[in-house]
Amino acid sequence: MLIGYARVSTDDQNLDLQKDALTTAGCDRILEDRLSGAKAERPGLKAALDYARQGDVLVVWRLDRLSRSLKDLIEMVALFEAKGIGLKSLQESIDTSSSSGKLIFHIFGALAEFERNLIRERTHAGLLAARARGRKGGRPKSLDFDKRILAVRLYDEKQHTVIQICKMMGISKPTLYKYIDAEREAISKP
């Protein structure tokens, strides 16, 4: 069975073009959403997936009507495959229920994974280059070195509560304890 899915981003957009194309493609039932594809909760899509059975094909006018990113689209197709549901896109001429359609879709998936790996490698190389120039990543310390030493000394003197020390220094309890642990570790090293 062919199940159509149509989506527009706003209420003032028209679904007629998509619905006509899905009807012409032979869809027995057409479900729709009138909201952004970025929204995780799409009642029309959920209803289409609940309605679909193994061997059915979900038909969309274009792939961007189903998902806004290739990563999400690949995850969605993996979900379809797990349920035994095919995906057909009219504009891109992709049909995952056929061998050639699966091949094309998996090529798209491989390209997306390749792109993610390139981004990860560039990010890692950028971090290494920044460290080589003396830059450290992460959030800056709340207190400078002298104030950290003072906070630890106030804690060791036991004349103030942890809450009082934190208020005086303008830091949280976990931050104070982190400074205390770092000081203890520095003292214990030869």
N, C-alpha and C. Protein backbone atom coordinates (compact mmCIF):
# COMPACT_ATOMS: atom_id res chain seq x y z
N MET A 1 0.84 -1.18 0.00
CA MET A 1 0.00 0.00 0.00
C MET A 1 0.88 1.24 0.00
N LEU A 2 0.52 2.23 -0.77
CA LEU A 2 1.23 3.50 -0.82
C LEU A 2 0.54 4.48 0.12
N ILE A 3 1.30 5.03 1.05
CA ILE A 3 0.77 5.99 2.02
C ILE A 3 1.49 7.31 1.76
N GLY A 4 0.73 8.36 1.50
CA GLY A 4 1.31 9.66 1.20
C GLY A 4 1.49 10.49 2.45
N TYR A 5 2.55 11.31 2.44
CA TYR A 5 2.78 12.24 3.53
C TYR A 5 3.13 13.59 2.92
N ALA A 6 2.38 14.62 3.31
CA ALA A 6 2.60 15.98 2.81
C ALA A 6 2.82 16.90 4.01
N ARG A 7 3.70 17.89 3.83
CA ARG A 7 3.97 18.82 4.93
C ARG A 7 4.29 20.20 4.37
N VAL A 8 3.73 21.20 5.02
CA VAL A 8 4.12 22.59 4.78
C VAL A 8 4.53 23.18 6.12
N SER A 9 5.34 24.22 6.08
CA SER A 9 5.90 24.77 7.32
C SER A 9 4.94 25.68 8.07
N THR A 10 4.05 26.36 7.35
CA THR A 10 3.13 27.30 8.00
C THR A 10 1.72 27.09 7.50
N ASP A 11 0.77 27.62 8.26
CA ASP A 11 -0.64 27.47 7.90
C ASP A 11 -1.00 28.20 6.61
N ASP A 12 -0.27 29.26 6.27
CA ASP A 12 -0.64 30.01 5.07
C ASP A 12 -0.09 29.37 3.79
N GLN A 13 0.73 28.33 3.91
CA GLN A 13 1.19 27.62 2.72
C GLN A 13 0.15 26.59 2.31
N ASN A 14 0.21 26.18 1.04
CA ASN A 14 -0.81 25.31 0.47
C ASN A 14 -0.27 23.90 0.22
N LEU A 15 -1.05 22.90 0.58
CA LEU A 15 -0.67 21.50 0.39
C LEU A 15 -1.15 20.92 -0.95
N ASP A 16 -1.89 21.69 -1.73
CA ASP A 16 -2.52 21.15 -2.93
C ASP A 16 -1.53 20.51 -3.91
N LEU A 17 -0.41 21.16 -4.18
CA LEU A 17 0.57 20.62 -5.12
C LEU A 17 1.04 19.25 -4.67
N GLN A 18 1.41 19.12 -3.40
CA GLN A 18 1.90 17.84 -2.88
C GLN A 18 0.80 16.79 -2.90
N LYS A 19 -0.40 17.16 -2.47
CA LYS A 19 -1.50 16.19 -2.42
C LYS A 19 -1.88 15.70 -3.82
N ASP A 20 -1.87 16.61 -4.79
CA ASP A 20 -2.17 16.21 -6.18
C ASP A 20 -1.12 15.22 -6.67
N ALA A 21 0.16 15.50 -6.40
CA ALA A 21 1.24 14.60 -6.86
C ALA A 21 1.14 13.24 -6.17
N LEU A 22 0.80 13.24 -4.88
CA LEU A 22 0.67 11.97 -4.15
C LEU A 22 -0.52 11.17 -4.64
N THR A 23 -1.60 11.85 -4.95
CA THR A 23 -2.79 11.17 -5.50
C THR A 23 -2.47 10.57 -6.86
N THR A 24 -1.79 11.33 -7.71
CA THR A 24 -1.40 10.85 -9.03
C THR A 24 -0.46 9.64 -8.92
N ALA A 25 0.38 9.63 -7.87
CA ALA A 25 1.32 8.52 -7.67
C ALA A 25 0.60 7.26 -7.19
N GLY A 26 -0.68 7.37 -6.82
CA GLY A 26 -1.45 6.20 -6.43
C GLY A 26 -1.56 5.96 -4.94
N CYS A 27 -1.33 6.99 -4.14
CA CYS A 27 -1.42 6.83 -2.69
C CYS A 27 -2.87 6.56 -2.27
N ASP A 28 -3.04 5.52 -1.44
CA ASP A 28 -4.36 5.16 -0.95
C ASP A 28 -4.81 6.09 0.17
N ARG A 29 -3.86 6.57 0.92
CA ARG A 29 -4.17 7.46 2.04
C ARG A 29 -3.09 8.53 2.11
N ILE A 30 -3.50 9.78 2.39
CA ILE A 30 -2.55 10.88 2.49
C ILE A 30 -2.72 11.55 3.85
N LEU A 31 -1.61 11.62 4.60
CA LEU A 31 -1.61 12.29 5.89
C LEU A 31 -0.76 13.54 5.77
N GLU A 32 -1.05 14.54 6.59
CA GLU A 32 -0.37 15.83 6.42
C GLU A 32 -0.06 16.50 7.74
N ASP A 33 0.91 17.40 7.66
CA ASP A 33 1.29 18.25 8.79
C ASP A 33 1.43 19.67 8.28
N ARG A 34 1.08 20.61 9.14
CA ARG A 34 1.26 22.03 8.85
C ARG A 34 2.13 22.64 9.93
N LEU A 35 3.40 22.23 9.94
CA LEU A 35 4.36 22.76 10.89
C LEU A 35 5.77 22.49 10.41
N SER A 36 6.72 23.12 11.04
CA SER A 36 8.12 23.04 10.62
C SER A 36 8.64 21.60 10.69
N GLY A 37 9.49 21.26 9.75
CA GLY A 37 10.11 19.95 9.74
C GLY A 37 11.11 19.78 10.86
N ALA A 38 11.50 20.88 11.49
CA ALA A 38 12.45 20.82 12.61
C ALA A 38 11.78 20.27 13.87
N LYS A 39 10.46 20.33 13.92
CA LYS A 39 9.73 19.84 15.09
C LYS A 39 9.80 18.32 15.12
N ALA A 40 10.16 17.78 16.28
CA ALA A 40 10.27 16.33 16.41
C ALA A 40 8.88 15.69 16.40
N GLU A 41 7.91 16.34 17.01
CA GLU A 41 6.56 15.81 17.08
C GLU A 41 5.74 16.29 15.89
N ARG A 42 5.51 15.40 14.94
CA ARG A 42 4.68 15.71 13.80
C ARG A 42 3.55 14.70 13.76
N PRO A 43 2.35 15.10 14.17
CA PRO A 43 1.23 14.16 14.30
C PRO A 43 0.90 13.43 13.00
N GLY A 44 0.96 14.13 11.87
CA GLY A 44 0.65 13.48 10.59
C GLY A 44 1.63 12.39 10.25
N LEU A 45 2.91 12.65 10.47
CA LEU A 45 3.95 11.65 10.19
C LEU A 45 3.80 10.47 11.15
N LYS A 46 3.53 10.76 12.42
CA LYS A 46 3.34 9.69 13.40
C LYS A 46 2.14 8.82 13.01
N ALA A 47 1.05 9.46 12.57
CA ALA A 47 -0.12 8.71 12.14
C ALA A 47 0.20 7.85 10.92
N ALA A 48 1.00 8.39 10.00
CA ALA A 48 1.38 7.62 8.81
C ALA A 48 2.20 6.40 9.20
N LEU A 49 3.13 6.57 10.14
CA LEU A 49 3.95 5.44 10.57
C LEU A 49 3.14 4.42 11.37
N ASP A 50 2.18 4.90 12.15
CA ASP A 50 1.31 3.99 12.90
C ASP A 50 0.41 3.19 11.94
N TYR A 51 0.00 3.83 10.87
CA TYR A 51 -0.91 3.21 9.90
C TYR A 51 -0.16 2.21 9.01
N ALA A 52 1.08 2.51 8.69
CA ALA A 52 1.85 1.68 7.75
C ALA A 52 2.16 0.30 8.34
N ARG A 53 2.10 -0.69 7.47
CA ARG A 53 2.44 -2.06 7.84
C ARG A 53 3.63 -2.53 7.01
N GLN A 54 4.20 -3.64 7.41
CA GLN A 54 5.34 -4.18 6.68
C GLN A 54 4.96 -4.37 5.20
N GLY A 55 5.85 -3.88 4.33
CA GLY A 55 5.61 -3.98 2.89
C GLY A 55 5.00 -2.71 2.31
N ASP A 56 4.48 -1.82 3.15
CA ASP A 56 3.93 -0.55 2.67
C ASP A 56 5.07 0.40 2.30
N VAL A 57 4.72 1.44 1.54
CA VAL A 57 5.70 2.44 1.12
C VAL A 57 5.15 3.82 1.49
N LEU A 58 5.97 4.60 2.20
CA LEU A 58 5.62 5.99 2.51
C LEU A 58 6.10 6.84 1.35
N VAL A 59 5.20 7.61 0.77
CA VAL A 59 5.52 8.42 -0.40
C VAL A 59 5.50 9.90 -0.01
N VAL A 60 6.56 10.62 -0.40
CA VAL A 60 6.63 12.05 -0.17
C VAL A 60 6.89 12.74 -1.51
N TRP A 61 6.47 13.99 -1.59
CA TRP A 61 6.68 14.75 -2.82
C TRP A 61 8.17 15.01 -3.01
N ARG A 62 8.84 15.48 -1.93
CA ARG A 62 10.29 15.69 -1.92
C ARG A 62 10.83 15.26 -0.57
N LEU A 63 12.09 14.87 -0.53
CA LEU A 63 12.69 14.41 0.73
C LEU A 63 12.69 15.47 1.82
N ASP A 64 12.78 16.75 1.43
CA ASP A 64 12.79 17.80 2.45
C ASP A 64 11.44 17.96 3.14
N ARG A 65 10.40 17.35 2.60
CA ARG A 65 9.10 17.36 3.27
C ARG A 65 9.11 16.38 4.44
N LEU A 66 10.00 15.40 4.39
CA LEU A 66 10.08 14.39 5.44
C LEU A 66 11.05 14.80 6.54
N SER A 67 12.18 15.40 6.16
CA SER A 67 13.20 15.76 7.12
C SER A 67 14.01 16.94 6.62
N ARG A 68 14.52 17.75 7.55
CA ARG A 68 15.29 18.93 7.16
C ARG A 68 16.78 18.68 7.08
N SER A 69 17.25 17.56 7.66
CA SER A 69 18.68 17.28 7.59
C SER A 69 18.89 15.85 7.10
N LEU A 70 20.01 15.64 6.45
CA LEU A 70 20.32 14.31 5.92
C LEU A 70 20.49 13.31 7.05
N LYS A 71 21.08 13.76 8.15
CA LYS A 71 21.27 12.88 9.30
C LYS A 71 19.92 12.36 9.80
N ASP A 72 18.96 13.26 9.99
CA ASP A 72 17.63 12.85 10.45
C ASP A 72 16.95 11.96 9.43
N LEU A 73 17.14 12.28 8.16
CA LEU A 73 16.53 11.48 7.10
C LEU A 73 17.07 10.05 7.11
N ILE A 74 18.38 9.91 7.31
CA ILE A 74 18.99 8.59 7.35
C ILE A 74 18.46 7.80 8.55
N GLU A 75 18.35 8.47 9.69
CA GLU A 75 17.80 7.81 10.88
C GLU A 75 16.36 7.37 10.64
N MET A 76 15.59 8.23 9.96
CA MET A 76 14.19 7.90 9.67
C MET A 76 14.09 6.70 8.74
N VAL A 77 14.93 6.66 7.71
CA VAL A 77 14.91 5.53 6.78
C VAL A 77 15.33 4.25 7.49
N ALA A 78 16.27 4.35 8.42
CA ALA A 78 16.67 3.17 9.20
C ALA A 78 15.48 2.66 10.02
N LEU A 79 14.68 3.58 10.57
CA LEU A 79 13.48 3.20 11.30
C LEU A 79 12.48 2.53 10.36
N PHE A 80 12.31 3.10 9.17
CA PHE A 80 11.42 2.50 8.18
C PHE A 80 11.87 1.08 7.84
N GLU A 81 13.18 0.91 7.60
CA GLU A 81 13.71 -0.41 7.24
C GLU A 81 13.45 -1.41 8.36
N ALA A 82 13.62 -0.97 9.61
CA ALA A 82 13.38 -1.86 10.75
C ALA A 82 11.93 -2.31 10.79
N LYS A 83 11.02 -1.45 10.36
CA LYS A 83 9.59 -1.79 10.35
C LYS A 83 9.16 -2.44 9.04
N GLY A 84 10.09 -2.54 8.08
CA GLY A 84 9.75 -3.14 6.79
C GLY A 84 8.96 -2.21 5.88
N ILE A 85 9.13 -0.90 6.09
CA ILE A 85 8.41 0.11 5.31
C ILE A 85 9.39 0.76 4.33
N GLY A 86 8.97 0.93 3.10
CA GLY A 86 9.81 1.58 2.10
C GLY A 86 9.57 3.09 2.09
N LEU A 87 10.44 3.82 1.40
CA LEU A 87 10.29 5.26 1.24
C LEU A 87 10.44 5.59 -0.24
N LYS A 88 9.53 6.41 -0.73
CA LYS A 88 9.59 6.83 -2.13
C LYS A 88 9.46 8.35 -2.18
N SER A 89 10.40 8.98 -2.90
CA SER A 89 10.34 10.42 -3.10
C SER A 89 10.06 10.67 -4.57
N LEU A 90 9.01 11.41 -4.87
CA LEU A 90 8.60 11.63 -6.25
C LEU A 90 9.57 12.52 -7.01
N GLN A 91 10.01 13.63 -6.42
CA GLN A 91 10.87 14.58 -7.12
C GLN A 91 12.28 14.05 -7.32
N GLU A 92 12.83 13.36 -6.32
CA GLU A 92 14.20 12.85 -6.43
C GLU A 92 14.26 11.48 -7.09
N SER A 93 13.11 10.86 -7.37
CA SER A 93 13.04 9.52 -7.99
C SER A 93 13.82 8.49 -7.19
N ILE A 94 13.63 8.51 -5.88
CA ILE A 94 14.26 7.53 -5.00
C ILE A 94 13.17 6.64 -4.44
N ASP A 95 13.41 5.33 -4.47
CA ASP A 95 12.46 4.37 -3.93
C ASP A 95 13.26 3.31 -3.18
N THR A 96 13.26 3.37 -1.84
CA THR A 96 14.07 2.43 -1.06
C THR A 96 13.49 1.03 -1.06
N SER A 97 12.32 0.84 -1.65
CA SER A 97 11.78 -0.51 -1.74
C SER A 97 12.38 -1.26 -2.93
N SER A 98 13.16 -0.56 -3.77
CA SER A 98 13.86 -1.21 -4.89
C SER A 98 15.35 -1.26 -4.58
N SER A 99 16.06 -2.16 -5.21
CA SER A 99 17.50 -2.32 -4.97
C SER A 99 18.27 -1.07 -5.37
N SER A 100 17.95 -0.49 -6.52
CA SER A 100 18.68 0.71 -6.96
C SER A 100 18.38 1.90 -6.05
N GLY A 101 17.15 2.00 -5.58
CA GLY A 101 16.79 3.08 -4.66
C GLY A 101 17.54 2.97 -3.34
N LYS A 102 17.67 1.73 -2.84
CA LYS A 102 18.44 1.52 -1.60
C LYS A 102 19.90 1.91 -1.81
N LEU A 103 20.44 1.54 -2.98
CA LEU A 103 21.83 1.88 -3.27
C LEU A 103 22.03 3.39 -3.26
N ILE A 104 21.18 4.11 -3.94
CA ILE A 104 21.30 5.58 -4.01
C ILE A 104 21.19 6.16 -2.61
N PHE A 105 20.23 5.67 -1.84
CA PHE A 105 20.05 6.21 -0.50
C PHE A 105 21.27 5.92 0.37
N HIS A 106 21.83 4.73 0.25
CA HIS A 106 23.01 4.40 1.05
C HIS A 106 24.23 5.21 0.60
N ILE A 107 24.30 5.56 -0.67
CA ILE A 107 25.37 6.45 -1.12
C ILE A 107 25.22 7.81 -0.45
N PHE A 108 23.98 8.34 -0.38
CA PHE A 108 23.73 9.59 0.33
C PHE A 108 24.17 9.47 1.79
N GLY A 109 23.83 8.35 2.41
CA GLY A 109 24.19 8.12 3.81
C GLY A 109 25.70 8.07 4.00
N ALA A 110 26.40 7.41 3.06
CA ALA A 110 27.86 7.33 3.15
C ALA A 110 28.48 8.71 3.00
N LEU A 111 27.94 9.51 2.09
CA LEU A 111 28.45 10.88 1.91
C LEU A 111 28.22 11.71 3.17
N ALA A 112 27.07 11.55 3.80
CA ALA A 112 26.78 12.30 5.02
C ALA A 112 27.74 11.89 6.15
N GLU A 113 28.00 10.58 6.26
CA GLU A 113 28.93 10.11 7.29
C GLU A 113 30.34 10.63 7.00
N PHE A 114 30.74 10.63 5.73
CA PHE A 114 32.04 11.15 5.33
C PHE A 114 32.16 12.62 5.73
N GLU A 115 31.10 13.38 5.48
CA GLU A 115 31.10 14.81 5.84
C GLU A 115 31.22 14.99 7.35
N ARG A 116 30.50 14.20 8.14
CA ARG A 116 30.58 14.29 9.60
C ARG A 116 32.00 13.97 10.08
N ASN A 117 32.63 12.95 9.47
CA ASN A 117 34.01 12.60 9.85
C ASN A 117 34.98 13.71 9.50
N LEU A 118 34.79 14.35 8.35
CA LEU A 118 35.66 15.47 7.97
C LEU A 118 35.53 16.62 8.97
N ILE A 119 34.32 16.92 9.37
CA ILE A 119 34.08 17.98 10.34
C ILE A 119 34.76 17.64 11.66
N ARG A 120 34.64 16.39 12.10
CA ARG A 120 35.26 15.95 13.35
C ARG A 120 36.78 16.08 13.25
N GLU A 121 37.36 15.66 12.11
CA GLU A 121 38.82 15.75 11.93
C GLU A 121 39.29 17.20 11.91
N ARG A 122 38.54 18.08 11.23
CA ARG A 122 38.92 19.50 11.18
C ARG A 122 38.84 20.12 12.57
N THR A 123 37.83 19.77 13.33
CA THR A 123 37.68 20.30 14.69
C THR A 123 38.85 19.84 15.56
N HIS A 124 39.18 18.57 15.46
CA HIS A 124 40.29 18.02 16.25
C HIS A 124 41.61 18.70 15.86
N ALA A 125 41.85 18.88 14.57
CA ALA A 125 43.07 19.54 14.10
C ALA A 125 43.12 20.99 14.59
N GLY A 126 41.98 21.67 14.58
CA GLY A 126 41.91 23.05 15.08
C GLY A 126 42.23 23.14 16.56
N LEU A 127 41.73 22.18 17.34
CA LEU A 127 42.02 22.16 18.78
C LEU A 127 43.50 21.91 19.04
N LEU A 128 44.09 20.97 18.28
CA LEU A 128 45.52 20.71 18.44
C LEU A 128 46.35 21.93 18.08
N ALA A 129 45.99 22.62 17.00
CA ALA A 129 46.72 23.82 16.59
C ALA A 129 46.59 24.92 17.65
N ALA A 130 45.40 25.06 18.24
CA ALA A 130 45.21 26.07 19.29
C ALA A 130 46.05 25.73 20.52
N ARG A 131 46.10 24.45 20.89
CA ARG A 131 46.92 24.04 22.05
C ARG A 131 48.40 24.29 21.78
N ALA A 132 48.82 24.05 20.53
CA ALA A 132 50.23 24.28 20.18
C ALA A 132 50.59 25.76 20.31
N ARG A 133 49.61 26.64 20.15
CA ARG A 133 49.84 28.08 20.31
C ARG A 133 49.62 28.53 21.75
N GLY A 134 49.40 27.57 22.67
CA GLY A 134 49.27 27.91 24.08
C GLY A 134 47.85 28.17 24.55
N ARG A 135 46.90 27.97 23.71
CA ARG A 135 45.50 28.19 24.12
C ARG A 135 44.93 26.92 24.70
N LYS A 136 44.18 27.08 25.76
CA LYS A 136 43.50 25.94 26.37
C LYS A 136 42.01 26.13 26.17
N GLY A 137 41.34 25.06 25.85
CA GLY A 137 39.90 25.13 25.68
C GLY A 137 39.18 25.10 27.01
N GLY A 138 37.90 25.23 26.93
CA GLY A 138 37.09 25.15 28.14
C GLY A 138 36.77 26.51 28.72
N ARG A 139 35.99 26.45 29.75
CA ARG A 139 35.54 27.67 30.42
C ARG A 139 36.67 28.25 31.26
N PRO A 140 36.81 29.58 31.30
CA PRO A 140 37.86 30.18 32.12
C PRO A 140 37.59 29.94 33.61
N LYS A 141 38.65 29.94 34.40
CA LYS A 141 38.52 29.75 35.85
C LYS A 141 37.72 30.89 36.45
N SER A 142 36.91 30.56 37.46
CA SER A 142 36.10 31.59 38.13
C SER A 142 36.97 32.56 38.91
N LEU A 143 38.04 32.05 39.49
CA LEU A 143 38.93 32.86 40.33
C LEU A 143 40.35 32.78 39.79
N ASP A 144 41.10 33.86 39.99
CA ASP A 144 42.51 33.81 39.61
C ASP A 144 43.27 32.98 40.65
N PHE A 145 44.53 32.75 40.41
CA PHE A 145 45.33 31.86 41.25
C PHE A 145 45.32 32.28 42.72
N ASP A 146 45.55 33.57 42.99
CA ASP A 146 45.62 34.05 44.38
C ASP A 146 44.29 33.86 45.11
N LYS A 147 43.20 34.12 44.44
CA LYS A 147 41.88 33.96 45.08
C LYS A 147 41.56 32.49 45.32
N ARG A 148 42.02 31.62 44.42
CA ARG A 148 41.82 30.17 44.64
C ARG A 148 42.56 29.72 45.90
N ILE A 149 43.79 30.19 46.04
CA ILE A 149 44.60 29.85 47.23
C ILE A 149 43.92 30.39 48.49
N LEU A 150 43.39 31.61 48.42
CA LEU A 150 42.69 32.21 49.56
C LEU A 150 41.45 31.38 49.93
N ALA A 151 40.69 30.96 48.94
CA ALA A 151 39.48 30.17 49.19
C ALA A 151 39.84 28.85 49.89
N VAL A 152 40.91 28.21 49.45
CA VAL A 152 41.33 26.96 50.08
C VAL A 152 41.81 27.21 51.51
N ARG A 153 42.55 28.32 51.72
CA ARG A 153 43.03 28.65 53.07
C ARG A 153 41.85 28.91 54.00
N LEU A 154 40.85 29.67 53.54
CA LEU A 154 39.65 29.92 54.36
C LEU A 154 38.97 28.61 54.73
N TYR A 155 38.92 27.68 53.78
CA TYR A 155 38.32 26.37 54.05
C TYR A 155 39.13 25.61 55.10
N ASP A 156 40.45 25.62 54.95
CA ASP A 156 41.32 24.89 55.89
C ASP A 156 41.28 25.48 57.29
N GLU A 157 41.11 26.80 57.39
CA GLU A 157 41.08 27.45 58.71
C GLU A 157 39.81 27.12 59.48
N LYS A 158 38.79 26.67 58.79
CA LYS A 158 37.52 26.24 59.39
C LYS A 158 36.84 27.31 60.25
N GLN A 159 37.06 28.59 59.90
CA GLN A 159 36.40 29.67 60.61
C GLN A 159 35.15 30.15 59.88
N HIS A 160 34.97 29.67 58.65
CA HIS A 160 33.81 30.03 57.83
C HIS A 160 33.19 28.75 57.28
N THR A 161 31.88 28.81 57.08
CA THR A 161 31.21 27.66 56.47
C THR A 161 31.51 27.67 54.96
N VAL A 162 31.25 26.53 54.35
CA VAL A 162 31.44 26.42 52.90
C VAL A 162 30.56 27.44 52.18
N ILE A 163 29.34 27.60 52.65
CA ILE A 163 28.41 28.55 52.02
C ILE A 163 28.94 29.97 52.14
N GLN A 164 29.48 30.33 53.31
CA GLN A 164 30.04 31.67 53.48
C GLN A 164 31.23 31.91 52.55
N ILE A 165 32.11 30.92 52.45
CA ILE A 165 33.27 31.05 51.55
C ILE A 165 32.79 31.23 50.11
N CYS A 166 31.82 30.44 49.72
CA CYS A 166 31.30 30.51 48.35
C CYS A 166 30.69 31.88 48.07
N LYS A 167 29.96 32.43 49.05
CA LYS A 167 29.37 33.76 48.86
C LYS A 167 30.44 34.84 48.78
N MET A 168 31.46 34.74 49.64
CA MET A 168 32.54 35.72 49.62
C MET A 168 33.27 35.72 48.28
N MET A 169 33.49 34.53 47.75
CA MET A 169 34.28 34.38 46.53
C MET A 169 33.43 34.46 45.25
N GLY A 170 32.12 34.31 45.42
CA GLY A 170 31.23 34.34 44.26
C GLY A 170 31.34 33.07 43.41
N ILE A 171 31.49 31.93 44.09
CA ILE A 171 31.60 30.66 43.38
C ILE A 171 30.60 29.66 43.96
N SER A 172 30.43 28.56 43.28
CA SER A 172 29.52 27.52 43.76
C SER A 172 30.29 26.51 44.63
N LYS A 173 29.56 25.67 45.35
CA LYS A 173 30.20 24.65 46.18
C LYS A 173 31.05 23.69 45.35
N PRO A 174 30.53 23.16 44.22
CA PRO A 174 31.37 22.26 43.43
C PRO A 174 32.68 22.92 42.97
N THR A 175 32.62 24.22 42.65
CA THR A 175 33.83 24.92 42.23
C THR A 175 34.82 25.00 43.39
N LEU A 176 34.33 25.32 44.58
CA LEU A 176 35.21 25.37 45.74
C LEU A 176 35.87 24.02 45.99
N TYR A 177 35.07 22.96 45.96
CA TYR A 177 35.61 21.63 46.20
C TYR A 177 36.61 21.23 45.11
N LYS A 178 36.39 21.69 43.89
CA LYS A 178 37.33 21.41 42.80
C LYS A 178 38.66 22.09 43.09
N TYR A 179 38.62 23.34 43.56
CA TYR A 179 39.85 24.05 43.90
C TYR A 179 40.57 23.37 45.07
N ILE A 180 39.81 22.91 46.06
CA ILE A 180 40.40 22.22 47.22
C ILE A 180 41.09 20.94 46.75
N ASP A 181 40.41 20.15 45.92
CA ASP A 181 40.99 18.91 45.39
C ASP A 181 42.25 19.18 44.58
N ALA A 182 42.23 20.22 43.76
CA ALA A 182 43.39 20.56 42.94
C ALA A 182 44.57 20.96 43.82
N GLU A 183 44.30 21.70 44.90
CA GLU A 183 45.36 22.12 45.82
C GLU A 183 45.94 20.91 46.54
N ARG A 184 45.09 19.98 46.97
CA ARG A 184 45.55 18.76 47.66
C ARG A 184 46.41 17.92 46.71
N GLU A 185 45.99 17.85 45.47
CA GLU A 185 46.73 17.07 44.47
C GLU A 185 48.09 17.71 44.19
N ALA A 186 48.13 19.04 44.13
CA ALA A 186 49.39 19.75 43.87
C ALA A 186 50.36 19.56 45.03
N ILE A 187 49.83 19.53 46.24
CA ILE A 187 50.69 19.34 47.44
C ILE A 187 51.25 17.93 47.49
N SER A 188 50.44 16.95 47.11
CA SER A 188 50.86 15.55 47.19
C SER A 188 51.88 15.16 46.12
N LYS A 189 52.01 15.95 45.07
CA LYS A 189 52.98 15.64 44.01
C LYS A 189 54.37 16.10 44.47
N PRO A 190 55.43 15.31 44.11
CA PRO A 190 56.78 15.68 44.55
C PRO A 190 57.32 16.90 43.83
